[in-house]
Amino acid sequence: MSGFFCDPSEISGRPAVLQPPLGPPGCGLCLLGQCKSPRMEPFGQGRLEICIVGQAPGEQEDIAGRPFIGPSGQLLSAILGRVGVDRDRDCWMTNVIQCILNTGTSGEIAQARECCASRLRNQLLAMHPRLILVLGGVALRAFFNPPGSITSRRGLVYWNRVYGAWVAPTLHPAAILRSDERQEEERRLFFQLDIERALRHLGTVPPDPAAVAYEDYSGRFDDACAFLQRMRASVGDRKSTRLNSSHTDISRMPSSA
């Protein structure tokens, strides 16, 4: 069965809502239409009305016709599971670029992103998500102008009045998996903290919903303290971390309130 979301027989829970095909004028102009699953559709039931937006399908996703089923998707599922979110039942998943890239050069990515822009917009308007998780720098450019960097944007939550939803940029799981051992441990913790903070915004609206953008900085200091606490617990007294008993007791540091 083809549809805007998934086949309802694949996942138990609320039946999938089928929508008419969304074909923007730019589709097919970026020369990516030769992939096995061109114009990959979003997948998931979106029970919590969360939309996860990545970069583009990888080889495994292209073969299966579903987003986030490779190693990055497995890491995403694991982290979401830790915070009580079932990826397939609670979320919708899509990509900024909805065909597999040929070369992955910056020029190809920019052209493909532009051609897919109206399709992504139509998908988000049809979903009406309450929270949009933006994974990585390529996806970031679809929501912010100027985009800034993912390292400067991650950990913050923004209100988008076009979609009437919170937008939370964070690292792409692929970037975490490409890290060395120490960086991977840190980035996994940041990734989980970003998602935890974003989830706290479900069901809320900013003080001024009419504003073009609203940045929620509350709790960032507390999140940094929580991160350091978790790092201390995970690495113990190893000298390489420089987090040992001689340092300040994080639990006694002042709150951001």
C-alpha atoms as a PDB file:
ATOM      1  CA  MET A   1       0.000   0.000   0.000  1.00  0.00           C
ATOM      2  CA  SER A   2       1.364   3.403  -0.876  1.00  0.00           C
ATOM      3  CA  GLY A   3       0.624   6.396   1.286  1.00  0.00           C
ATOM      4  CA  PHE A   4       1.925   9.536   2.839  1.00  0.00           C
ATOM      5  CA  PHE A   5       2.960   7.670   5.976  1.00  0.00           C
ATOM      6  CA  CYS A   6       3.472   3.958   6.561  1.00  0.00           C
ATOM      7  CA  ASP A   7       1.338   0.941   5.839  1.00  0.00           C
ATOM      8  CA  PRO A   8      -0.877   0.687   8.960  1.00  0.00           C
ATOM      9  CA  SER A   9      -0.370  -3.086   8.986  1.00  0.00           C
ATOM     10  CA  GLU A  10       3.350  -2.624   9.663  1.00  0.00           C
ATOM     11  CA  ILE A  11       3.037  -0.894  13.031  1.00  0.00           C
ATOM     12  CA  SER A  12       0.379  -1.311  15.675  1.00  0.00           C
ATOM     13  CA  GLY A  13      -1.339   1.774  17.074  1.00  0.00           C
ATOM     14  CA  ARG A  14      -3.164   4.639  15.401  1.00  0.00           C
ATOM     15  CA  PRO A  15      -3.883   3.900  11.708  1.00  0.00           C
ATOM     16  CA  ALA A  16      -1.724   5.772   9.249  1.00  0.00           C
ATOM     17  CA  VAL A  17      -3.360   8.804   7.655  1.00  0.00           C
ATOM     18  CA  LEU A  18      -3.041   8.680   3.882  1.00  0.00           C
ATOM     19  CA  GLN A  19      -2.527  11.908   1.981  1.00  0.00           C
ATOM     20  CA  PRO A  20      -2.521  12.672  -1.752  1.00  0.00           C
ATOM     21  CA  PRO A  21       0.888  12.718  -3.460  1.00  0.00           C
ATOM     22  CA  LEU A  22       2.862  15.916  -2.987  1.00  0.00           C
ATOM     23  CA  GLY A  23       4.861  16.750  -6.111  1.00  0.00           C
ATOM     24  CA  PRO A  24       6.481  20.195  -6.122  1.00  0.00           C
ATOM     25  CA  PRO A  25       7.453  21.997  -9.343  1.00  0.00           C
ATOM     26  CA  GLY A  26      11.174  21.570  -8.612  1.00  0.00           C
ATOM     27  CA  CYS A  27      11.051  17.784  -8.253  1.00  0.00           C
ATOM     28  CA  GLY A  28      13.209  16.047 -10.864  1.00  0.00           C
ATOM     29  CA  LEU A  29      15.275  19.094 -11.781  1.00  0.00           C
ATOM     30  CA  CYS A  30      18.283  18.146  -9.639  1.00  0.00           C
ATOM     31  CA  LEU A  31      19.122  14.934 -11.579  1.00  0.00           C
ATOM     32  CA  LEU A  32      18.552  12.671  -8.552  1.00  0.00           C
ATOM     33  CA  GLY A  33      15.481  11.004 -10.056  1.00  0.00           C
ATOM     34  CA  GLN A  34      17.374   7.856 -11.082  1.00  0.00           C
ATOM     35  CA  CYS A  35      17.562   6.435  -7.548  1.00  0.00           C
ATOM     36  CA  LYS A  36      15.663   3.265  -6.640  1.00  0.00           C
ATOM     37  CA  SER A  37      13.113   5.093  -4.495  1.00  0.00           C
ATOM     38  CA  PRO A  38      12.861   8.651  -5.828  1.00  0.00           C
ATOM     39  CA  ARG A  39      10.952  11.193  -3.764  1.00  0.00           C
ATOM     40  CA  MET A  40      10.971   8.984  -0.659  1.00  0.00           C
ATOM     41  CA  GLU A  41       7.868   9.563   1.428  1.00  0.00           C
ATOM     42  CA  PRO A  42       7.817  10.185   5.184  1.00  0.00           C
ATOM     43  CA  PHE A  43       7.400   7.167   7.408  1.00  0.00           C
ATOM     44  CA  GLY A  44       5.934   6.696  10.875  1.00  0.00           C
ATOM     45  CA  GLN A  45       2.686   7.151  12.730  1.00  0.00           C
ATOM     46  CA  GLY A  46       3.517  10.351  14.607  1.00  0.00           C
ATOM     47  CA  ARG A  47       1.579   9.479  17.769  1.00  0.00           C
ATOM     48  CA  LEU A  48       3.392  12.238  19.688  1.00  0.00           C
ATOM     49  CA  GLU A  49       3.383  14.572  16.663  1.00  0.00           C
ATOM     50  CA  ILE A  50       7.169  14.706  16.452  1.00  0.00           C
ATOM     51  CA  CYS A  51       8.816  14.995  13.044  1.00  0.00           C
ATOM     52  CA  ILE A  52      12.464  13.982  12.616  1.00  0.00           C
ATOM     53  CA  VAL A  53      14.180  15.648   9.655  1.00  0.00           C
ATOM     54  CA  GLY A  54      17.509  14.305   8.408  1.00  0.00           C
ATOM     55  CA  GLN A  55      19.754  15.021   5.433  1.00  0.00           C
ATOM     56  CA  ALA A  56      19.079  12.440   2.702  1.00  0.00           C
ATOM     57  CA  PRO A  57      18.448   8.705   2.296  1.00  0.00           C
ATOM     58  CA  GLY A  58      21.479   6.453   2.451  1.00  0.00           C
ATOM     59  CA  GLU A  59      21.985   3.286   0.432  1.00  0.00           C
ATOM     60  CA  GLN A  60      20.008   1.048   2.786  1.00  0.00           C
ATOM     61  CA  GLU A  61      17.167   3.563   3.030  1.00  0.00           C
ATOM     62  CA  ASP A  62      17.074   3.931  -0.753  1.00  0.00           C
ATOM     63  CA  ILE A  63      16.755   0.169  -1.248  1.00  0.00           C
ATOM     64  CA  ALA A  64      14.024  -0.198   1.383  1.00  0.00           C
ATOM     65  CA  GLY A  65      12.203   3.019   0.533  1.00  0.00           C
ATOM     66  CA  ARG A  66      12.156   4.054   4.203  1.00  0.00           C
ATOM     67  CA  PRO A  67      14.223   6.665   6.059  1.00  0.00           C
ATOM     68  CA  PHE A  68      16.581   5.998   8.986  1.00  0.00           C
ATOM     69  CA  ILE A  69      17.049   2.228   8.815  1.00  0.00           C
ATOM     70  CA  GLY A  70      20.873   2.138   8.582  1.00  0.00           C
ATOM     71  CA  PRO A  71      23.392   2.530  11.434  1.00  0.00           C
ATOM     72  CA  SER A  72      22.336   6.157  12.008  1.00  0.00           C
ATOM     73  CA  GLY A  73      18.719   5.085  12.321  1.00  0.00           C
ATOM     74  CA  GLN A  74      19.640   2.371  14.788  1.00  0.00           C
ATOM     75  CA  LEU A  75      21.452   4.884  16.993  1.00  0.00           C
ATOM     76  CA  LEU A  76      18.516   7.287  16.712  1.00  0.00           C
ATOM     77  CA  SER A  77      16.104   4.550  17.800  1.00  0.00           C
ATOM     78  CA  ALA A  78      18.299   3.639  20.759  1.00  0.00           C
ATOM     79  CA  ILE A  79      18.587   7.203  22.060  1.00  0.00           C
ATOM     80  CA  LEU A  80      14.878   7.905  21.581  1.00  0.00           C
ATOM     81  CA  GLY A  81      14.088   4.686  23.396  1.00  0.00           C
ATOM     82  CA  ARG A  82      16.101   5.857  26.404  1.00  0.00           C
ATOM     83  CA  VAL A  83      13.827   8.882  26.758  1.00  0.00           C
ATOM     84  CA  GLY A  84      10.624   6.903  26.276  1.00  0.00           C
ATOM     85  CA  VAL A  85       9.959   7.599  22.593  1.00  0.00           C
ATOM     86  CA  ASP A  86       9.207   4.844  20.082  1.00  0.00           C
ATOM     87  CA  ARG A  87      10.636   6.113  16.811  1.00  0.00           C
ATOM     88  CA  ASP A  88       8.200   4.401  14.429  1.00  0.00           C
ATOM     89  CA  ARG A  89       5.010   4.842  16.440  1.00  0.00           C
ATOM     90  CA  ASP A  90       5.612   8.232  18.047  1.00  0.00           C
ATOM     91  CA  CYS A  91       7.393  10.090  15.223  1.00  0.00           C
ATOM     92  CA  TRP A  92       7.280  10.898  11.553  1.00  0.00           C
ATOM     93  CA  MET A  93      10.596  10.709   9.694  1.00  0.00           C
ATOM     94  CA  THR A  94      11.655  12.481   6.539  1.00  0.00           C
ATOM     95  CA  ASN A  95      14.669  14.151   4.935  1.00  0.00           C
ATOM     96  CA  VAL A  96      15.503  17.571   3.564  1.00  0.00           C
ATOM     97  CA  ILE A  97      16.758  15.826   0.400  1.00  0.00           C
ATOM     98  CA  GLN A  98      14.415  13.015  -0.513  1.00  0.00           C
ATOM     99  CA  CYS A  99      16.453  11.082  -3.081  1.00  0.00           C
ATOM    100  CA  ILE A 100      19.809   9.407  -2.571  1.00  0.00           C
ATOM    101  CA  LEU A 101      22.720  11.685  -3.467  1.00  0.00           C
ATOM    102  CA  ASN A 102      24.998  10.759  -6.345  1.00  0.00           C
ATOM    103  CA  THR A 103      28.237  12.346  -5.121  1.00  0.00           C
ATOM    104  CA  GLY A 104      27.421  14.278  -1.945  1.00  0.00           C
ATOM    105  CA  THR A 105      29.335  17.338  -3.095  1.00  0.00           C
ATOM    106  CA  SER A 106      28.345  20.691  -1.618  1.00  0.00           C
ATOM    107  CA  GLY A 107      27.002  21.849  -4.990  1.00  0.00           C
ATOM    108  CA  GLU A 108      24.829  18.764  -5.433  1.00  0.00           C
ATOM    109  CA  ILE A 109      23.542  19.025  -1.871  1.00  0.00           C
ATOM    110  CA  ALA A 110      22.634  22.707  -2.289  1.00  0.00           C
ATOM    111  CA  GLN A 111      20.818  22.073  -5.578  1.00  0.00           C
ATOM    112  CA  ALA A 112      18.950  19.045  -4.278  1.00  0.00           C
ATOM    113  CA  ARG A 113      17.956  20.850  -1.087  1.00  0.00           C
ATOM    114  CA  GLU A 114      16.490  23.711  -3.102  1.00  0.00           C
ATOM    115  CA  CYS A 115      14.559  21.371  -5.400  1.00  0.00           C
ATOM    116  CA  CYS A 116      13.130  19.410  -2.464  1.00  0.00           C
ATOM    117  CA  ALA A 117      12.279  22.494  -0.393  1.00  0.00           C
ATOM    118  CA  SER A 118       8.634  22.860  -1.420  1.00  0.00           C
ATOM    119  CA  ARG A 119       8.006  19.144  -1.022  1.00  0.00           C
ATOM    120  CA  LEU A 120       9.392  19.175   2.527  1.00  0.00           C
ATOM    121  CA  ARG A 121       7.320  22.246   3.333  1.00  0.00           C
ATOM    122  CA  ASN A 122       4.141  20.562   2.053  1.00  0.00           C
ATOM    123  CA  GLN A 123       4.889  17.477   4.100  1.00  0.00           C
ATOM    124  CA  LEU A 124       5.365  19.447   7.307  1.00  0.00           C
ATOM    125  CA  LEU A 125       2.218  21.490   6.712  1.00  0.00           C
ATOM    126  CA  ALA A 126       0.260  18.261   6.186  1.00  0.00           C
ATOM    127  CA  MET A 127       1.676  16.637   9.321  1.00  0.00           C
ATOM    128  CA  HIS A 128       1.142  19.592  11.689  1.00  0.00           C
ATOM    129  CA  PRO A 129       3.922  18.424  14.040  1.00  0.00           C
ATOM    130  CA  ARG A 130       4.278  19.960  17.474  1.00  0.00           C
ATOM    131  CA  LEU A 131       8.035  19.358  17.525  1.00  0.00           C
ATOM    132  CA  ILE A 132      10.572  19.123  14.687  1.00  0.00           C
ATOM    133  CA  LEU A 133      13.936  17.513  15.452  1.00  0.00           C
ATOM    134  CA  VAL A 134      16.490  18.791  12.923  1.00  0.00           C
ATOM    135  CA  LEU A 135      19.459  16.444  12.537  1.00  0.00           C
ATOM    136  CA  GLY A 136      22.714  17.919  11.271  1.00  0.00           C
ATOM    137  CA  GLY A 137      23.970  20.921   9.346  1.00  0.00           C
ATOM    138  CA  VAL A 138      22.347  20.128   5.986  1.00  0.00           C
ATOM    139  CA  ALA A 139      18.889  19.882   7.546  1.00  0.00           C
ATOM    140  CA  LEU A 140      19.601  23.018   9.575  1.00  0.00           C
ATOM    141  CA  ARG A 141      19.755  25.090   6.380  1.00  0.00           C
ATOM    142  CA  ALA A 142      16.163  24.214   5.578  1.00  0.00           C
ATOM    143  CA  PHE A 143      14.938  25.995   8.720  1.00  0.00           C
ATOM    144  CA  PHE A 144      17.366  28.857   9.439  1.00  0.00           C
ATOM    145  CA  ASN A 145      18.670  31.741   7.338  1.00  0.00           C
ATOM    146  CA  PRO A 146      21.465  32.385   8.032  1.00  0.00           C
ATOM    147  CA  PRO A 147      21.802  28.821   9.306  1.00  0.00           C
ATOM    148  CA  GLY A 148      24.771  29.242  11.640  1.00  0.00           C
ATOM    149  CA  SER A 149      26.493  26.022  12.653  1.00  0.00           C
ATOM    150  CA  ILE A 150      24.932  22.943  14.169  1.00  0.00           C
ATOM    151  CA  THR A 151      27.293  23.247  17.155  1.00  0.00           C
ATOM    152  CA  SER A 152      26.031  26.767  17.882  1.00  0.00           C
ATOM    153  CA  ARG A 153      22.349  25.916  17.291  1.00  0.00           C
ATOM    154  CA  ARG A 154      22.161  22.525  19.007  1.00  0.00           C
ATOM    155  CA  GLY A 155      20.750  22.473  22.504  1.00  0.00           C
ATOM    156  CA  LEU A 156      18.416  25.400  21.782  1.00  0.00           C
ATOM    157  CA  VAL A 157      14.727  25.178  20.920  1.00  0.00           C
ATOM    158  CA  TYR A 158      13.095  27.641  18.519  1.00  0.00           C
ATOM    159  CA  TRP A 159       9.492  28.469  17.717  1.00  0.00           C
ATOM    160  CA  ASN A 160       8.598  28.362  14.013  1.00  0.00           C
ATOM    161  CA  ARG A 161       5.411  30.256  13.296  1.00  0.00           C
ATOM    162  CA  VAL A 162       5.077  28.869   9.745  1.00  0.00           C
ATOM    163  CA  TYR A 163       4.592  25.347  11.058  1.00  0.00           C
ATOM    164  CA  GLY A 164       3.327  26.312  14.515  1.00  0.00           C
ATOM    165  CA  ALA A 165       5.924  24.002  16.009  1.00  0.00           C
ATOM    166  CA  TRP A 166       9.087  23.955  18.071  1.00  0.00           C
ATOM    167  CA  VAL A 167      12.271  23.345  16.078  1.00  0.00           C
ATOM    168  CA  ALA A 168      15.165  21.678  17.891  1.00  0.00           C
ATOM    169  CA  PRO A 169      18.480  21.319  16.010  1.00  0.00           C
ATOM    170  CA  THR A 170      20.888  18.647  17.157  1.00  0.00           C
ATOM    171  CA  LEU A 171      23.710  16.471  15.863  1.00  0.00           C
ATOM    172  CA  HIS A 172      23.139  13.948  13.118  1.00  0.00           C
ATOM    173  CA  PRO A 173      23.657  10.380  14.363  1.00  0.00           C
ATOM    174  CA  ALA A 174      26.085   9.788  11.477  1.00  0.00           C
ATOM    175  CA  ALA A 175      28.364  12.497  12.864  1.00  0.00           C
ATOM    176  CA  ILE A 176      28.335  10.747  16.228  1.00  0.00           C
ATOM    177  CA  LEU A 177      29.249   7.406  14.662  1.00  0.00           C
ATOM    178  CA  ARG A 178      32.147   8.997  12.763  1.00  0.00           C
ATOM    179  CA  SER A 179      33.677  10.330  15.989  1.00  0.00           C
ATOM    180  CA  ASP A 180      36.618   8.841  17.825  1.00  0.00           C
ATOM    181  CA  GLU A 181      35.881   6.875  20.998  1.00  0.00           C
ATOM    182  CA  ARG A 182      36.004   9.794  23.423  1.00  0.00           C
ATOM    183  CA  GLN A 183      34.116  12.194  21.159  1.00  0.00           C
ATOM    184  CA  GLU A 184      31.447   9.594  20.476  1.00  0.00           C
ATOM    185  CA  GLU A 185      30.738   9.194  24.187  1.00  0.00           C
ATOM    186  CA  GLU A 186      30.404  12.952  24.647  1.00  0.00           C
ATOM    187  CA  ARG A 187      28.267  13.426  21.543  1.00  0.00           C
ATOM    188  CA  ARG A 188      25.911  10.638  22.491  1.00  0.00           C
ATOM    189  CA  LEU A 189      25.288  12.398  25.801  1.00  0.00           C
ATOM    190  CA  PHE A 190      24.766  15.770  24.100  1.00  0.00           C
ATOM    191  CA  PHE A 191      22.409  14.134  21.606  1.00  0.00           C
ATOM    192  CA  GLN A 192      20.285  12.639  24.365  1.00  0.00           C
ATOM    193  CA  LEU A 193      20.263  15.875  26.371  1.00  0.00           C
ATOM    194  CA  ASP A 194      19.138  17.846  23.298  1.00  0.00           C
ATOM    195  CA  ILE A 195      16.256  15.456  22.719  1.00  0.00           C
ATOM    196  CA  GLU A 196      15.241  15.488  26.381  1.00  0.00           C
ATOM    197  CA  ARG A 197      15.107  19.297  26.369  1.00  0.00           C
ATOM    198  CA  ALA A 198      13.137  19.365  23.123  1.00  0.00           C
ATOM    199  CA  LEU A 199      10.565  16.907  24.466  1.00  0.00           C
ATOM    200  CA  ARG A 200       9.852  19.204  27.400  1.00  0.00           C
ATOM    201  CA  HIS A 201       8.367  21.682  24.909  1.00  0.00           C
ATOM    202  CA  LEU A 202       5.640  19.355  23.651  1.00  0.00           C
ATOM    203  CA  GLY A 203       2.265  20.884  24.411  1.00  0.00           C
ATOM    204  CA  THR A 204       3.677  24.364  25.108  1.00  0.00           C
ATOM    205  CA  VAL A 205       3.730  27.610  23.124  1.00  0.00           C
ATOM    206  CA  PRO A 206       6.146  30.550  23.397  1.00  0.00           C
ATOM    207  CA  PRO A 207       5.251  33.788  25.196  1.00  0.00           C
ATOM    208  CA  ASP A 208       4.704  35.426  21.796  1.00  0.00           C
ATOM    209  CA  PRO A 209       3.604  32.820  19.210  1.00  0.00           C
ATOM    210  CA  ALA A 210       3.416  35.534  16.526  1.00  0.00           C
ATOM    211  CA  ALA A 211       7.149  36.154  16.753  1.00  0.00           C
ATOM    212  CA  VAL A 212       9.254  35.086  13.777  1.00  0.00           C
ATOM    213  CA  ALA A 213      11.505  33.055  16.033  1.00  0.00           C
ATOM    214  CA  TYR A 214      11.728  32.474  19.734  1.00  0.00           C
ATOM    215  CA  GLU A 215      14.848  31.016  21.298  1.00  0.00           C
ATOM    216  CA  ASP A 216      14.465  29.157  24.561  1.00  0.00           C
ATOM    217  CA  TYR A 217      17.733  29.414  26.459  1.00  0.00           C
ATOM    218  CA  SER A 218      16.264  28.278  29.769  1.00  0.00           C
ATOM    219  CA  GLY A 219      17.956  25.336  31.316  1.00  0.00           C
ATOM    220  CA  ARG A 220      21.029  25.387  29.086  1.00  0.00           C
ATOM    221  CA  PHE A 221      23.308  25.863  32.083  1.00  0.00           C
ATOM    222  CA  ASP A 222      21.514  23.098  33.941  1.00  0.00           C
ATOM    223  CA  ASP A 223      21.926  20.822  30.922  1.00  0.00           C
ATOM    224  CA  ALA A 224      25.654  21.537  30.867  1.00  0.00           C
ATOM    225  CA  CYS A 225      25.865  20.585  34.530  1.00  0.00           C
ATOM    226  CA  ALA A 226      23.885  17.414  33.870  1.00  0.00           C
ATOM    227  CA  PHE A 227      26.234  16.560  31.021  1.00  0.00           C
ATOM    228  CA  LEU A 228      29.282  16.968  33.237  1.00  0.00           C
ATOM    229  CA  GLN A 229      27.676  14.864  35.935  1.00  0.00           C
ATOM    230  CA  ARG A 230      27.034  12.081  33.453  1.00  0.00           C
ATOM    231  CA  MET A 231      30.551  12.324  32.082  1.00  0.00           C
ATOM    232  CA  ARG A 232      31.957  12.074  35.601  1.00  0.00           C
ATOM    233  CA  ALA A 233      29.839   9.008  36.290  1.00  0.00           C
ATOM    234  CA  SER A 234      30.829   7.349  33.023  1.00  0.00           C
ATOM    235  CA  VAL A 235      34.567   7.944  33.070  1.00  0.00           C
ATOM    236  CA  GLY A 236      35.288   7.845  36.806  1.00  0.00           C
ATOM    237  CA  ASP A 237      38.711   9.178  37.722  1.00  0.00           C
ATOM    238  CA  ARG A 238      40.499   8.646  34.409  1.00  0.00           C
ATOM    239  CA  LYS A 239      43.144  11.309  34.001  1.00  0.00           C
ATOM    240  CA  SER A 240      42.322  11.898  30.348  1.00  0.00           C
ATOM    241  CA  THR A 241      38.966  13.408  31.286  1.00  0.00           C
ATOM    242  CA  ARG A 242      40.363  15.817  33.891  1.00  0.00           C
ATOM    243  CA  LEU A 243      37.130  15.361  35.832  1.00  0.00           C
ATOM    244  CA  ASN A 244      38.144  14.070  39.241  1.00  0.00           C
ATOM    245  CA  SER A 245      37.433  14.670  42.898  1.00  0.00           C
ATOM    246  CA  SER A 246      39.652  17.762  43.009  1.00  0.00           C
ATOM    247  CA  HIS A 247      37.261  19.675  40.728  1.00  0.00           C
ATOM    248  CA  THR A 248      34.212  21.663  41.717  1.00  0.00           C
ATOM    249  CA  ASP A 249      31.208  19.678  42.884  1.00  0.00           C
ATOM    250  CA  ILE A 250      28.769  20.211  40.019  1.00  0.00           C
ATOM    251  CA  SER A 251      25.788  19.519  42.250  1.00  0.00           C
ATOM    252  CA  ARG A 252      26.634  22.626  44.278  1.00  0.00           C
ATOM    253  CA  MET A 253      26.928  24.945  41.314  1.00  0.00           C
ATOM    254  CA  PRO A 254      24.213  27.628  41.184  1.00  0.00           C
ATOM    255  CA  SER A 255      21.154  26.963  39.043  1.00  0.00           C
ATOM    256  CA  SER A 256      20.300  29.127  36.014  1.00  0.00           C
ATOM    257  CA  ALA A 257      16.945  30.057  37.552  1.00  0.00           C
END
